[in-house]
Structures are given as structure tokens and as C-alpha cells.
Amino acid sequence: MSNPTTPFLNKPSSSSALPTPNPPPHRLARPALLTLGTLRALFGAAVLVSPAPLLGLFGLDLPPHLAFLGSMIGARDLILGEWMVLSDPKMASLLVGCGKGRSGSTGLVGARGAVWASVAADLLDAVVFGLAFGRGDVGGKAAGMTIGGALVFAFLGMDVLWLLK
């Protein structure tokens, strides 16, 4: 028995409904993804090669015997940036010769996962430096620069996620 006041009770079963295709990403999604990924990869590569001077710009003065920690930060950012860039099949084809994802798609394969990982890393950086500042382990300049930079990049990452919707 149908009820005219509640139209959702007469809804067709899900087996007969056709799946709706995902809408294409915003026209700025690809350039935003590539810009954010390239910036992150370049920063990571620079910190990987020369950690002490670059981290010194943020007020982080690492003793020489701990320079490897800066290189670890650089390696992480380099990998996250590359993941974002290579999630675009056109860039993957150009850089490493693999232009299609596993599904044969030419869309932005895995881009959302790459950007979410980047946003998570940035937000965790902000939390870690906030806690370190609270304990007195880092100075105000180091905490402010690092937390500010992390939040700016997290915000940019969220913008890219919005464009990829």
C-alpha cells in the first residue's frame, strides 16, 4: 500500500537504479594538485640535501650530529609531493612512463589519498610543534614558523580536496 504523503516509500529498489557517474573534478583541480605537489617535493628535496640551513630559516637549529632528522623530514615531504604529482596520469606518463592507473582511468587516480596524507602530515606537524612549544622544547619563532607553515599547507591541501570533489 503506497502512502502519498511520504514519497520515499515508493522509491525504486537500489538494484533497478542506475549508478550515477562521478562528476569531473573542478577545472582548477589539476593545476592546484600539481602546484601543491611540486612545491612540497621541491621543499622536501632541498631539506633532504641541505637540512641545517633550510630548517634554520624556520628557527630550528639542529646540531650537526642530528642533521639526519632534517633529512628525514625532507624525505617525507619529497615522497608526499611526488605522490601528489604522480597521481595525475599525464605527469606519471611524462615522468615515469605509466600514464594510466590500474583501472585504465585517465583521471586523477589516487589524488585524494595523496592530498589527505599531505594534510594529515601538516596537521600532525602543527600539533607536535604546539606541544613542543608548550613544553619549552622549541622557541617561539620555530613554533610560529612551523605551525604557521603547516597550517597554510593544510589549508591549501583542503582547498585541493574541495576542487577534487
N, C-alpha and C. Protein backbone atom coordinates (compact mmCIF):
# COMPACT_ATOMS: atom_id res chain seq x y z
N MET A 1 0.85 -1.17 0.00
CA MET A 1 0.00 0.00 0.00
C MET A 1 0.90 1.24 0.00
N SER A 2 0.68 2.11 -0.95
CA SER A 2 1.53 3.29 -1.03
C SER A 2 0.95 4.43 -0.19
N ASN A 3 1.85 5.25 0.26
CA ASN A 3 1.46 6.39 1.08
C ASN A 3 1.82 7.66 0.32
N PRO A 4 0.86 8.43 -0.17
CA PRO A 4 1.16 9.59 -1.00
C PRO A 4 1.87 10.71 -0.24
N THR A 5 1.81 10.72 1.09
CA THR A 5 2.46 11.81 1.83
C THR A 5 3.94 11.56 2.06
N THR A 6 4.39 10.36 1.86
CA THR A 6 5.81 10.06 2.04
C THR A 6 6.35 9.42 0.76
N PRO A 7 6.81 10.24 -0.16
CA PRO A 7 7.23 9.72 -1.46
C PRO A 7 8.42 8.77 -1.38
N PHE A 8 9.23 8.83 -0.34
CA PHE A 8 10.39 7.96 -0.28
C PHE A 8 10.01 6.50 -0.09
N LEU A 9 8.78 6.22 0.33
CA LEU A 9 8.36 4.82 0.47
C LEU A 9 8.13 4.18 -0.90
N ASN A 10 7.91 4.97 -1.94
CA ASN A 10 7.68 4.45 -3.27
C ASN A 10 8.95 4.48 -4.12
N LYS A 11 10.07 4.65 -3.49
CA LYS A 11 11.34 4.74 -4.20
C LYS A 11 11.69 3.39 -4.81
N PRO A 12 12.21 3.36 -6.05
CA PRO A 12 12.56 2.07 -6.66
C PRO A 12 13.71 1.42 -5.88
N SER A 13 13.76 0.10 -5.98
CA SER A 13 14.83 -0.61 -5.26
C SER A 13 16.19 -0.23 -5.83
N SER A 14 17.23 -0.40 -5.02
CA SER A 14 18.57 0.00 -5.45
C SER A 14 19.08 -0.86 -6.59
N SER A 15 18.57 -2.08 -6.74
CA SER A 15 19.04 -2.93 -7.83
C SER A 15 18.57 -2.42 -9.19
N SER A 16 17.44 -1.69 -9.22
CA SER A 16 16.96 -1.19 -10.50
C SER A 16 17.47 0.23 -10.80
N ALA A 17 18.03 0.89 -9.79
CA ALA A 17 18.53 2.24 -10.01
C ALA A 17 19.89 2.17 -10.70
N LEU A 18 20.09 3.04 -11.67
CA LEU A 18 21.37 3.09 -12.37
C LEU A 18 22.37 3.89 -11.55
N PRO A 19 23.63 3.44 -11.50
CA PRO A 19 24.62 4.22 -10.76
C PRO A 19 24.90 5.54 -11.48
N THR A 20 25.09 6.57 -10.69
CA THR A 20 25.40 7.88 -11.29
C THR A 20 26.91 8.03 -11.34
N PRO A 21 27.44 8.47 -12.47
CA PRO A 21 28.89 8.63 -12.57
C PRO A 21 29.35 9.81 -11.72
N ASN A 22 30.59 9.73 -11.26
CA ASN A 22 31.16 10.84 -10.50
C ASN A 22 31.33 12.04 -11.42
N PRO A 23 31.00 13.22 -10.91
CA PRO A 23 31.20 14.41 -11.74
C PRO A 23 32.70 14.65 -11.93
N PRO A 24 33.08 15.25 -13.03
CA PRO A 24 34.50 15.53 -13.24
C PRO A 24 35.00 16.54 -12.21
N PRO A 25 36.30 16.49 -11.86
CA PRO A 25 36.81 17.47 -10.90
C PRO A 25 36.77 18.88 -11.48
N HIS A 26 36.86 19.84 -10.61
CA HIS A 26 36.88 21.25 -11.00
C HIS A 26 38.04 21.48 -11.97
N ARG A 27 37.89 22.44 -12.86
CA ARG A 27 38.93 22.69 -13.89
C ARG A 27 40.26 23.12 -13.27
N LEU A 28 40.23 23.65 -12.05
CA LEU A 28 41.47 24.05 -11.39
C LEU A 28 42.09 22.95 -10.53
N ALA A 29 41.43 21.79 -10.46
CA ALA A 29 41.92 20.71 -9.60
C ALA A 29 43.32 20.25 -10.02
N ARG A 30 43.51 20.00 -11.30
CA ARG A 30 44.80 19.50 -11.78
C ARG A 30 45.92 20.51 -11.54
N PRO A 31 45.78 21.79 -11.95
CA PRO A 31 46.86 22.74 -11.68
C PRO A 31 47.13 22.93 -10.18
N ALA A 32 46.07 22.93 -9.37
CA ALA A 32 46.26 23.10 -7.93
C ALA A 32 46.99 21.91 -7.33
N LEU A 33 46.61 20.71 -7.75
CA LEU A 33 47.27 19.49 -7.27
C LEU A 33 48.75 19.48 -7.67
N LEU A 34 49.03 19.81 -8.92
CA LEU A 34 50.41 19.80 -9.39
C LEU A 34 51.25 20.88 -8.73
N THR A 35 50.66 22.05 -8.49
CA THR A 35 51.40 23.13 -7.83
C THR A 35 51.73 22.75 -6.39
N LEU A 36 50.74 22.27 -5.65
CA LEU A 36 50.97 21.89 -4.26
C LEU A 36 51.96 20.73 -4.17
N GLY A 37 51.81 19.74 -5.02
CA GLY A 37 52.72 18.60 -5.02
C GLY A 37 54.14 18.99 -5.39
N THR A 38 54.28 19.86 -6.38
CA THR A 38 55.61 20.30 -6.81
C THR A 38 56.29 21.12 -5.72
N LEU A 39 55.55 22.04 -5.09
CA LEU A 39 56.13 22.83 -4.01
C LEU A 39 56.59 21.94 -2.86
N ARG A 40 55.76 20.97 -2.50
CA ARG A 40 56.12 20.07 -1.41
C ARG A 40 57.34 19.22 -1.78
N ALA A 41 57.37 18.71 -3.00
CA ALA A 41 58.50 17.88 -3.43
C ALA A 41 59.79 18.69 -3.50
N LEU A 42 59.73 19.92 -4.00
CA LEU A 42 60.92 20.77 -4.08
C LEU A 42 61.44 21.12 -2.69
N PHE A 43 60.53 21.48 -1.77
CA PHE A 43 60.94 21.76 -0.40
C PHE A 43 61.58 20.52 0.22
N GLY A 44 60.94 19.37 0.02
CA GLY A 44 61.47 18.12 0.57
C GLY A 44 62.85 17.79 0.02
N ALA A 45 63.04 17.96 -1.27
CA ALA A 45 64.34 17.67 -1.88
C ALA A 45 65.41 18.62 -1.34
N ALA A 46 65.07 19.88 -1.19
CA ALA A 46 66.04 20.85 -0.67
C ALA A 46 66.42 20.53 0.77
N VAL A 47 65.44 20.19 1.60
CA VAL A 47 65.73 19.85 3.00
C VAL A 47 66.48 18.53 3.09
N LEU A 48 66.17 17.60 2.21
CA LEU A 48 66.89 16.32 2.19
C LEU A 48 68.37 16.53 1.92
N VAL A 49 68.69 17.40 0.98
CA VAL A 49 70.08 17.64 0.58
C VAL A 49 70.80 18.53 1.58
N SER A 50 70.15 19.55 2.07
CA SER A 50 70.80 20.53 2.94
C SER A 50 69.89 20.89 4.11
N PRO A 51 69.76 20.01 5.10
CA PRO A 51 68.77 20.23 6.15
C PRO A 51 69.07 21.40 7.08
N ALA A 52 70.29 21.54 7.52
CA ALA A 52 70.60 22.55 8.55
C ALA A 52 70.28 23.99 8.11
N PRO A 53 70.76 24.44 6.94
CA PRO A 53 70.46 25.83 6.57
C PRO A 53 68.98 26.09 6.33
N LEU A 54 68.28 25.14 5.71
CA LEU A 54 66.87 25.37 5.40
C LEU A 54 66.00 25.32 6.65
N LEU A 55 66.27 24.39 7.54
CA LEU A 55 65.49 24.34 8.77
C LEU A 55 65.86 25.50 9.69
N GLY A 56 67.06 26.03 9.53
CA GLY A 56 67.46 27.22 10.27
C GLY A 56 66.60 28.42 9.93
N LEU A 57 66.09 28.48 8.70
CA LEU A 57 65.18 29.57 8.32
C LEU A 57 63.91 29.55 9.16
N PHE A 58 63.54 28.38 9.66
CA PHE A 58 62.35 28.23 10.49
C PHE A 58 62.67 28.33 11.98
N GLY A 59 63.91 28.69 12.29
CA GLY A 59 64.31 28.80 13.68
C GLY A 59 64.68 27.48 14.32
N LEU A 60 64.88 26.45 13.51
CA LEU A 60 65.26 25.13 14.02
C LEU A 60 66.75 24.93 13.79
N ASP A 61 67.51 25.05 14.83
CA ASP A 61 68.95 24.87 14.72
C ASP A 61 69.32 23.47 15.18
N LEU A 62 69.55 22.59 14.21
CA LEU A 62 69.92 21.22 14.52
C LEU A 62 71.42 21.12 14.72
N PRO A 63 71.85 20.44 15.78
CA PRO A 63 73.28 20.17 15.90
C PRO A 63 73.72 19.25 14.76
N PRO A 64 74.98 19.34 14.34
CA PRO A 64 75.43 18.54 13.19
C PRO A 64 75.15 17.05 13.31
N HIS A 65 75.24 16.51 14.52
CA HIS A 65 75.03 15.06 14.66
C HIS A 65 73.54 14.67 14.56
N LEU A 66 72.63 15.65 14.50
CA LEU A 66 71.21 15.37 14.33
C LEU A 66 70.67 15.84 12.98
N ALA A 67 71.57 16.19 12.06
CA ALA A 67 71.14 16.66 10.74
C ALA A 67 70.32 15.60 10.00
N PHE A 68 70.53 14.34 10.32
CA PHE A 68 69.77 13.28 9.65
C PHE A 68 68.27 13.41 9.93
N LEU A 69 67.90 14.00 11.08
CA LEU A 69 66.47 14.19 11.36
C LEU A 69 65.85 15.17 10.37
N GLY A 70 66.59 16.21 10.02
CA GLY A 70 66.12 17.14 8.99
C GLY A 70 65.98 16.45 7.65
N SER A 71 66.92 15.58 7.34
CA SER A 71 66.84 14.82 6.08
C SER A 71 65.63 13.92 6.05
N MET A 72 65.27 13.37 7.21
CA MET A 72 64.06 12.54 7.28
C MET A 72 62.81 13.36 6.97
N ILE A 73 62.76 14.59 7.48
CA ILE A 73 61.63 15.48 7.18
C ILE A 73 61.58 15.76 5.68
N GLY A 74 62.75 16.02 5.11
CA GLY A 74 62.83 16.28 3.67
C GLY A 74 62.38 15.08 2.85
N ALA A 75 62.79 13.88 3.27
CA ALA A 75 62.39 12.67 2.54
C ALA A 75 60.87 12.49 2.57
N ARG A 76 60.27 12.73 3.73
CA ARG A 76 58.82 12.59 3.85
C ARG A 76 58.11 13.57 2.92
N ASP A 77 58.54 14.84 2.93
CA ASP A 77 57.89 15.83 2.07
C ASP A 77 58.14 15.56 0.60
N LEU A 78 59.31 15.08 0.25
CA LEU A 78 59.59 14.72 -1.14
C LEU A 78 58.66 13.61 -1.61
N ILE A 79 58.48 12.59 -0.79
CA ILE A 79 57.62 11.47 -1.16
C ILE A 79 56.16 11.91 -1.27
N LEU A 80 55.68 12.71 -0.31
CA LEU A 80 54.29 13.18 -0.37
C LEU A 80 54.06 14.05 -1.61
N GLY A 81 55.02 14.91 -1.91
CA GLY A 81 54.89 15.76 -3.10
C GLY A 81 54.89 14.95 -4.39
N GLU A 82 55.79 13.96 -4.46
CA GLU A 82 55.82 13.10 -5.65
C GLU A 82 54.52 12.33 -5.80
N TRP A 83 53.98 11.86 -4.70
CA TRP A 83 52.72 11.11 -4.75
C TRP A 83 51.61 11.98 -5.35
N MET A 84 51.55 13.24 -4.92
CA MET A 84 50.53 14.13 -5.47
C MET A 84 50.74 14.36 -6.97
N VAL A 85 51.99 14.62 -7.37
CA VAL A 85 52.28 14.88 -8.78
C VAL A 85 52.00 13.64 -9.62
N LEU A 86 52.43 12.48 -9.15
CA LEU A 86 52.27 11.26 -9.94
C LEU A 86 50.85 10.69 -9.92
N SER A 87 49.96 11.27 -9.09
CA SER A 87 48.57 10.83 -9.14
C SER A 87 47.86 11.37 -10.37
N ASP A 88 48.50 12.28 -11.08
CA ASP A 88 47.98 12.77 -12.36
C ASP A 88 48.58 11.90 -13.46
N PRO A 89 47.77 11.13 -14.18
CA PRO A 89 48.31 10.22 -15.20
C PRO A 89 49.15 10.91 -16.27
N LYS A 90 48.82 12.15 -16.61
CA LYS A 90 49.63 12.85 -17.62
C LYS A 90 51.04 13.07 -17.12
N MET A 91 51.18 13.46 -15.85
CA MET A 91 52.51 13.67 -15.27
C MET A 91 53.21 12.33 -15.07
N ALA A 92 52.47 11.31 -14.66
CA ALA A 92 53.07 9.99 -14.47
C ALA A 92 53.63 9.47 -15.79
N SER A 93 52.88 9.67 -16.86
CA SER A 93 53.32 9.24 -18.18
C SER A 93 54.57 10.00 -18.61
N LEU A 94 54.57 11.29 -18.36
CA LEU A 94 55.71 12.13 -18.73
C LEU A 94 56.96 11.78 -17.92
N LEU A 95 56.78 11.58 -16.60
CA LEU A 95 57.94 11.39 -15.72
C LEU A 95 58.42 9.95 -15.64
N VAL A 96 57.49 9.00 -15.58
CA VAL A 96 57.91 7.61 -15.40
C VAL A 96 57.32 6.64 -16.40
N GLY A 97 56.57 7.14 -17.36
CA GLY A 97 56.08 6.29 -18.44
C GLY A 97 54.91 5.40 -18.09
N CYS A 98 54.14 5.72 -17.05
CA CYS A 98 52.95 4.92 -16.74
C CYS A 98 51.75 5.84 -16.65
N GLY A 99 51.07 6.02 -17.78
CA GLY A 99 50.04 7.03 -17.89
C GLY A 99 48.66 6.66 -17.40
N LYS A 100 48.38 5.40 -17.10
CA LYS A 100 47.04 5.03 -16.67
C LYS A 100 47.12 4.29 -15.34
N GLY A 101 46.10 4.50 -14.52
CA GLY A 101 46.01 3.79 -13.25
C GLY A 101 45.60 2.34 -13.49
N ARG A 102 45.44 1.60 -12.40
CA ARG A 102 45.08 0.18 -12.51
C ARG A 102 43.76 -0.01 -13.23
N SER A 103 42.85 0.94 -13.07
CA SER A 103 41.54 0.79 -13.70
C SER A 103 41.53 1.25 -15.15
N GLY A 104 42.65 1.75 -15.64
CA GLY A 104 42.70 2.26 -17.00
C GLY A 104 42.19 3.68 -17.09
N SER A 105 41.93 4.29 -15.97
CA SER A 105 41.39 5.65 -15.94
C SER A 105 42.47 6.66 -16.32
N THR A 106 42.04 7.71 -16.95
CA THR A 106 42.96 8.81 -17.22
C THR A 106 42.68 9.99 -16.30
N GLY A 107 41.83 9.78 -15.27
CA GLY A 107 41.52 10.82 -14.29
C GLY A 107 42.64 10.95 -13.27
N LEU A 108 42.38 11.71 -12.24
CA LEU A 108 43.37 11.94 -11.18
C LEU A 108 43.35 10.76 -10.22
N VAL A 109 44.03 9.68 -10.59
CA VAL A 109 44.00 8.42 -9.87
C VAL A 109 44.73 8.56 -8.54
N GLY A 110 44.04 8.35 -7.45
CA GLY A 110 44.67 8.37 -6.13
C GLY A 110 45.00 9.76 -5.61
N ALA A 111 44.54 10.78 -6.29
CA ALA A 111 44.89 12.14 -5.88
C ALA A 111 44.34 12.47 -4.50
N ARG A 112 43.12 12.07 -4.22
CA ARG A 112 42.53 12.39 -2.92
C ARG A 112 43.33 11.75 -1.78
N GLY A 113 43.76 10.52 -1.95
CA GLY A 113 44.57 9.87 -0.92
C GLY A 113 45.89 10.57 -0.70
N ALA A 114 46.51 11.01 -1.79
CA ALA A 114 47.79 11.71 -1.69
C ALA A 114 47.62 13.03 -0.95
N VAL A 115 46.56 13.75 -1.27
CA VAL A 115 46.35 15.05 -0.63
C VAL A 115 45.95 14.86 0.83
N TRP A 116 45.11 13.86 1.12
CA TRP A 116 44.75 13.60 2.53
C TRP A 116 45.99 13.26 3.34
N ALA A 117 46.91 12.48 2.80
CA ALA A 117 48.15 12.15 3.52
C ALA A 117 48.96 13.40 3.79
N SER A 118 49.02 14.29 2.82
CA SER A 118 49.74 15.54 2.97
C SER A 118 49.10 16.43 4.05
N VAL A 119 47.79 16.54 4.02
CA VAL A 119 47.07 17.34 5.02
C VAL A 119 47.29 16.76 6.42
N ALA A 120 47.20 15.43 6.53
CA ALA A 120 47.41 14.80 7.83
C ALA A 120 48.82 15.06 8.36
N ALA A 121 49.82 14.96 7.49
CA ALA A 121 51.20 15.22 7.91
C ALA A 121 51.35 16.66 8.39
N ASP A 122 50.74 17.61 7.68
CA ASP A 122 50.83 19.02 8.07
C ASP A 122 50.14 19.28 9.40
N LEU A 123 48.96 18.71 9.59
CA LEU A 123 48.24 18.93 10.85
C LEU A 123 48.99 18.29 12.02
N LEU A 124 49.57 17.12 11.79
CA LEU A 124 50.37 16.50 12.86
C LEU A 124 51.61 17.31 13.17
N ASP A 125 52.23 17.89 12.15
CA ASP A 125 53.38 18.78 12.40
C ASP A 125 52.96 19.94 13.30
N ALA A 126 51.80 20.53 13.03
CA ALA A 126 51.33 21.65 13.84
C ALA A 126 51.09 21.22 15.29
N VAL A 127 50.50 20.05 15.48
CA VAL A 127 50.24 19.54 16.84
C VAL A 127 51.56 19.26 17.56
N VAL A 128 52.48 18.59 16.90
CA VAL A 128 53.76 18.24 17.52
C VAL A 128 54.53 19.49 17.92
N PHE A 129 54.57 20.48 17.04
CA PHE A 129 55.30 21.71 17.38
C PHE A 129 54.56 22.53 18.43
N GLY A 130 53.25 22.48 18.44
CA GLY A 130 52.49 23.15 19.50
C GLY A 130 52.81 22.54 20.86
N LEU A 131 52.85 21.22 20.92
CA LEU A 131 53.20 20.54 22.17
C LEU A 131 54.65 20.81 22.57
N ALA A 132 55.55 20.81 21.58
CA ALA A 132 56.96 21.08 21.88
C ALA A 132 57.13 22.51 22.40
N PHE A 133 56.40 23.45 21.85
CA PHE A 133 56.47 24.83 22.33
C PHE A 133 55.92 24.91 23.75
N GLY A 134 54.84 24.22 24.01
CA GLY A 134 54.24 24.21 25.35
C GLY A 134 55.19 23.65 26.40
N ARG A 135 56.00 22.67 26.01
CA ARG A 135 56.99 22.10 26.94
C ARG A 135 58.25 22.93 27.04
N GLY A 136 58.40 23.90 26.14
CA GLY A 136 59.61 24.72 26.13
C GLY A 136 60.75 24.11 25.33
N ASP A 137 60.46 23.10 24.50
CA ASP A 137 61.50 22.43 23.71
C ASP A 137 61.93 23.24 22.50
N VAL A 138 61.05 24.08 21.97
CA VAL A 138 61.39 24.94 20.83
C VAL A 138 60.97 26.36 21.16
N GLY A 139 61.65 27.31 20.54
CA GLY A 139 61.35 28.72 20.77
C GLY A 139 60.11 29.18 20.02
N GLY A 140 59.74 30.40 20.28
CA GLY A 140 58.54 30.97 19.66
C GLY A 140 58.65 31.10 18.16
N LYS A 141 59.84 31.52 17.65
CA LYS A 141 59.99 31.68 16.20
C LYS A 141 59.85 30.34 15.50
N ALA A 142 60.52 29.31 16.04
CA ALA A 142 60.45 27.98 15.42
C ALA A 142 59.02 27.45 15.44
N ALA A 143 58.35 27.59 16.58
CA ALA A 143 56.98 27.10 16.68
C ALA A 143 56.05 27.89 15.76
N GLY A 144 56.18 29.21 15.77
CA GLY A 144 55.30 30.04 14.94
C GLY A 144 55.49 29.79 13.46
N MET A 145 56.74 29.72 13.03
CA MET A 145 57.01 29.49 11.60
C MET A 145 56.54 28.11 11.17
N THR A 146 56.83 27.11 11.98
CA THR A 146 56.47 25.74 11.60
C THR A 146 54.96 25.52 11.67
N ILE A 147 54.35 25.96 12.74
CA ILE A 147 52.90 25.79 12.87
C ILE A 147 52.18 26.60 11.79
N GLY A 148 52.62 27.84 11.58
CA GLY A 148 52.00 28.67 10.55
C GLY A 148 52.14 28.05 9.17
N GLY A 149 53.34 27.59 8.83
CA GLY A 149 53.55 26.96 7.52
C GLY A 149 52.75 25.68 7.36
N ALA A 150 52.70 24.88 8.43
CA ALA A 150 51.94 23.63 8.37
C ALA A 150 50.45 23.90 8.17
N LEU A 151 49.93 24.90 8.87
CA LEU A 151 48.51 25.21 8.73
C LEU A 151 48.18 25.80 7.37
N VAL A 152 49.09 26.60 6.83
CA VAL A 152 48.87 27.15 5.47
C VAL A 152 48.82 26.01 4.46
N PHE A 153 49.78 25.07 4.55
CA PHE A 153 49.78 23.96 3.59
C PHE A 153 48.61 23.00 3.82
N ALA A 154 48.19 22.83 5.07
CA ALA A 154 47.00 22.00 5.32
C ALA A 154 45.77 22.66 4.70
N PHE A 155 45.66 23.98 4.85
CA PHE A 155 44.54 24.72 4.26
C PHE A 155 44.57 24.61 2.73
N LEU A 156 45.76 24.75 2.13
CA LEU A 156 45.86 24.61 0.68
C LEU A 156 45.48 23.19 0.25
N GLY A 157 45.90 22.21 1.03
CA GLY A 157 45.52 20.83 0.73
C GLY A 157 44.02 20.62 0.79
N MET A 158 43.37 21.24 1.78
CA MET A 158 41.91 21.12 1.87
C MET A 158 41.23 21.80 0.68
N ASP A 159 41.82 22.89 0.22
CA ASP A 159 41.30 23.53 -0.99
C ASP A 159 41.40 22.60 -2.20
N VAL A 160 42.54 21.93 -2.33
CA VAL A 160 42.71 20.98 -3.44
C VAL A 160 41.69 19.85 -3.30
N LEU A 161 41.47 19.35 -2.10
CA LEU A 161 40.47 18.30 -1.89
C LEU A 161 39.09 18.79 -2.32
N TRP A 162 38.76 20.03 -2.00
CA TRP A 162 37.47 20.58 -2.42
C TRP A 162 37.36 20.62 -3.94
N LEU A 163 38.47 21.00 -4.60
CA LEU A 163 38.45 21.04 -6.07
C LEU A 163 38.33 19.64 -6.68
N LEU A 164 38.84 18.63 -5.97
CA LEU A 164 38.79 17.26 -6.49
C LEU A 164 37.46 16.57 -6.25
N LYS A 165 36.58 17.18 -5.45
CA LYS A 165 35.32 16.53 -5.03
C LYS A 165 34.61 15.78 -6.10
